[in-house]
Amino acid sequence: MHTSTNKDRRWVTFTYISPQIRKATNIFRNTNVKIAFKCRNTIANRIKPSTNHNTPPYNKWGIFQLTCHARHLSYVGQTSRSLSIRFQERIRYIMNNNPQSANAQHILQNQQEYGQMNRIMAPLKPLNNPSFLIPYEQNYIQSLHREGKLIPEQNPGEINLLFKAVINPLTPHAT
């Protein structure tokens, strides 16, 4: 909370955190104090580099790519756990003949070797906010699908027009 004074009027600025802030604003309802809200969800905060540079890449969570070296195709996944834990789950699926994930299904159906984590798994986008997992994952899936490099067991879904614009930007029409 920040307070400032302007001649006849006092301003109180709250950084918007939650709907409970409304209770605090009711205190000033019958006064000469005006309320201003400050949003911290800015573009600068979104593009700011992350501060966890010392964390090994496989201990982070986010979007990852698994590459099938036999067919040169890839699988894109997401996890809110560390990539190493997600890789261990994938190995369990394969060893127990459980086609629960599209990548495990691909390995089992094609009778391929699955390899070591640092050889087949690549972190694509470490994330700090779980709400961005699905959009980033879909963007990578659509990109690989468009290039013909996505394993057939992974369903790319309907192409989203926003992703299509990012993957294949509009070109100016000649007049």
Protein backbone atom coordinates (compact mmCIF):
# COMPACT_ATOMS: atom_id res chain seq x y z
CA MET A 1 0.00 0.00 0.00
CA HIS A 2 1.29 3.46 -0.90
CA THR A 3 -0.13 6.78 0.31
CA SER A 4 0.33 10.11 -1.43
CA THR A 5 -1.15 13.57 -0.89
CA ASN A 6 -2.38 16.02 -3.50
CA LYS A 7 -3.49 19.42 -2.02
CA ASP A 8 -7.09 18.66 -0.95
CA ARG A 9 -7.14 14.96 -1.65
CA ARG A 10 -5.34 11.90 -0.28
CA TRP A 11 -4.69 8.93 -2.54
CA VAL A 12 -4.15 5.37 -1.39
CA THR A 13 -2.73 2.95 -3.95
CA PHE A 14 -3.21 -0.78 -3.45
CA THR A 15 -1.37 -3.37 -5.48
CA TYR A 16 -4.23 -5.58 -6.60
CA ILE A 17 -3.81 -8.99 -5.03
CA SER A 18 -7.23 -10.53 -4.45
CA PRO A 19 -10.96 -9.81 -4.19
CA GLN A 20 -10.53 -9.39 -0.41
CA ILE A 21 -9.03 -5.95 -1.09
CA ARG A 22 -12.61 -4.68 -1.46
CA LYS A 23 -13.01 -4.92 2.33
CA ALA A 24 -10.10 -2.51 2.76
CA THR A 25 -11.59 -0.04 0.29
CA ASN A 26 -14.89 0.05 2.20
CA ILE A 27 -13.06 1.66 5.11
CA PHE A 28 -12.51 4.79 3.00
CA ARG A 29 -16.02 4.90 1.46
CA ASN A 30 -17.30 7.97 3.37
CA THR A 31 -14.02 9.88 3.45
CA ASN A 32 -12.15 12.23 1.18
CA VAL A 33 -9.60 9.48 0.46
CA LYS A 34 -9.64 8.15 -3.10
CA ILE A 35 -8.51 4.63 -3.97
CA ALA A 36 -6.32 3.70 -6.93
CA PHE A 37 -5.33 0.16 -7.87
CA LYS A 38 -1.97 -0.78 -9.31
CA CYS A 39 -1.66 -3.92 -11.38
CA ARG A 40 1.55 -5.96 -11.17
CA ASN A 41 0.63 -8.10 -14.18
CA THR A 42 2.53 -6.00 -16.70
CA ILE A 43 4.34 -6.84 -19.92
CA ALA A 44 7.64 -5.98 -18.25
CA ASN A 45 6.97 -8.57 -15.53
CA ARG A 46 6.01 -11.19 -18.12
CA ILE A 47 9.15 -10.85 -20.26
CA LYS A 48 11.54 -10.43 -17.34
CA PRO A 49 14.06 -13.30 -17.28
CA SER A 50 13.59 -15.83 -14.50
CA THR A 51 15.79 -15.58 -11.44
CA ASN A 52 16.39 -19.30 -10.85
CA HIS A 53 19.55 -19.59 -12.98
CA ASN A 54 21.26 -22.00 -10.56
CA THR A 55 18.59 -24.70 -10.79
CA PRO A 56 19.63 -27.57 -13.09
CA PRO A 57 17.33 -27.77 -16.15
CA TYR A 58 15.92 -31.21 -15.29
CA ASN A 59 14.95 -30.03 -11.79
CA LYS A 60 12.70 -27.34 -13.27
CA TRP A 61 9.16 -27.82 -14.53
CA GLY A 62 7.46 -26.66 -17.68
CA ILE A 63 7.34 -27.77 -21.32
CA PHE A 64 9.62 -30.53 -22.59
CA GLN A 65 10.29 -32.45 -25.80
CA LEU A 66 11.09 -36.16 -26.11
CA THR A 67 12.75 -37.17 -29.36
CA CYS A 68 12.49 -40.59 -30.99
CA HIS A 69 15.89 -40.95 -32.65
CA ALA A 70 14.80 -43.97 -34.72
CA ARG A 71 12.12 -41.99 -36.57
CA HIS A 72 13.26 -38.42 -35.87
CA LEU A 73 9.86 -37.55 -34.47
CA SER A 74 9.06 -35.76 -31.23
CA TYR A 75 6.56 -35.68 -28.41
CA VAL A 76 5.81 -32.47 -26.50
CA GLY A 77 4.60 -32.61 -22.92
CA GLN A 78 4.10 -30.48 -19.88
CA THR A 79 4.58 -31.05 -16.19
CA SER A 80 4.19 -29.05 -13.01
CA ARG A 81 6.71 -31.40 -11.38
CA SER A 82 10.40 -31.59 -12.19
CA LEU A 83 11.31 -32.95 -15.62
CA SER A 84 13.33 -35.76 -14.03
CA ILE A 85 10.27 -36.99 -12.08
CA ARG A 86 8.15 -36.85 -15.25
CA PHE A 87 10.83 -38.83 -17.12
CA GLN A 88 10.85 -41.51 -14.39
CA GLU A 89 7.04 -41.81 -14.70
CA ARG A 90 7.41 -42.29 -18.45
CA ILE A 91 9.98 -45.07 -17.92
CA ARG A 92 7.58 -46.79 -15.50
CA TYR A 93 4.80 -46.65 -18.13
CA ILE A 94 7.09 -48.31 -20.67
CA MET A 95 8.46 -50.96 -18.29
CA ASN A 96 4.93 -51.87 -17.10
CA ASN A 97 3.63 -51.97 -20.69
CA ASN A 98 1.20 -49.16 -19.83
CA PRO A 99 0.38 -46.95 -22.86
CA GLN A 100 -0.93 -44.15 -20.61
CA SER A 101 1.00 -41.39 -22.40
CA ALA A 102 1.26 -40.88 -26.14
CA ASN A 103 5.04 -41.16 -25.94
CA ALA A 104 4.94 -44.46 -24.03
CA GLN A 105 2.38 -45.71 -26.55
CA HIS A 106 4.73 -44.76 -29.40
CA ILE A 107 7.68 -46.58 -27.81
CA LEU A 108 5.62 -49.71 -27.03
CA GLN A 109 3.89 -49.95 -30.43
CA ASN A 110 7.11 -49.48 -32.38
CA GLN A 111 9.21 -51.64 -30.02
CA GLN A 112 11.87 -48.97 -29.68
CA GLU A 113 14.46 -48.32 -27.03
CA TYR A 114 13.77 -45.37 -24.79
CA GLY A 115 17.28 -44.11 -23.91
CA GLN A 116 18.68 -41.86 -21.23
CA MET A 117 17.01 -38.67 -20.11
CA ASN A 118 19.79 -36.30 -21.19
CA ARG A 119 19.84 -37.86 -24.69
CA ILE A 120 16.15 -37.82 -25.55
CA MET A 121 14.54 -35.19 -23.30
CA ALA A 122 15.02 -31.49 -23.94
CA PRO A 123 13.54 -28.76 -21.74
CA LEU A 124 11.75 -26.33 -24.06
CA LYS A 125 10.26 -23.73 -21.74
CA PRO A 126 10.74 -23.62 -17.97
CA LEU A 127 7.76 -21.88 -16.41
CA ASN A 128 6.99 -20.24 -13.09
CA ASN A 129 3.26 -19.91 -13.66
CA PRO A 130 1.18 -23.08 -14.17
CA SER A 131 -1.51 -21.18 -16.09
CA PHE A 132 0.90 -20.88 -19.05
CA LEU A 133 1.53 -24.64 -19.37
CA ILE A 134 -1.26 -25.40 -21.83
CA PRO A 135 -0.76 -22.44 -24.22
CA TYR A 136 3.00 -22.98 -24.49
CA GLU A 137 2.57 -26.76 -24.88
CA GLN A 138 -0.04 -26.28 -27.62
CA ASN A 139 2.20 -23.82 -29.43
CA TYR A 140 5.10 -26.31 -29.53
CA ILE A 141 2.76 -29.19 -30.51
CA GLN A 142 1.27 -27.16 -33.37
CA SER A 143 4.75 -26.12 -34.57
CA LEU A 144 6.03 -29.72 -34.67
CA HIS A 145 2.80 -30.96 -36.26
CA ARG A 146 3.06 -28.35 -39.01
CA GLU A 147 6.69 -29.41 -39.69
CA GLY A 148 5.68 -33.10 -39.80
CA LYS A 149 7.89 -33.91 -36.79
CA LEU A 150 5.22 -34.89 -34.25
CA ILE A 151 4.72 -38.56 -33.31
CA PRO A 152 1.42 -39.84 -34.76
CA GLU A 153 0.24 -40.99 -31.30
CA GLN A 154 0.07 -37.38 -30.07
CA ASN A 155 -3.12 -35.65 -31.14
CA PRO A 156 -2.34 -32.05 -32.09
CA GLY A 157 -5.99 -31.04 -31.76
CA GLU A 158 -7.60 -28.28 -33.74
CA ILE A 159 -5.21 -25.57 -34.85
CA ASN A 160 -5.82 -22.41 -32.90
CA LEU A 161 -5.82 -19.28 -35.05
CA LEU A 162 -3.52 -17.51 -32.59
CA PHE A 163 -0.95 -20.30 -32.83
CA LYS A 164 -1.36 -20.35 -36.58
CA ALA A 165 -0.55 -16.63 -36.68
CA VAL A 166 2.58 -17.22 -34.58
CA ILE A 167 3.72 -20.26 -36.55
CA ASN A 168 2.86 -18.89 -39.99
CA PRO A 169 2.68 -15.06 -39.79
CA LEU A 170 0.56 -13.27 -42.34
CA THR A 171 2.35 -12.06 -45.40
CA PRO A 172 1.29 -8.82 -47.08
CA HIS A 173 -0.83 -9.34 -50.16
CA ALA A 174 0.36 -7.85 -53.42
CA THR A 175 -2.07 -5.37 -54.88
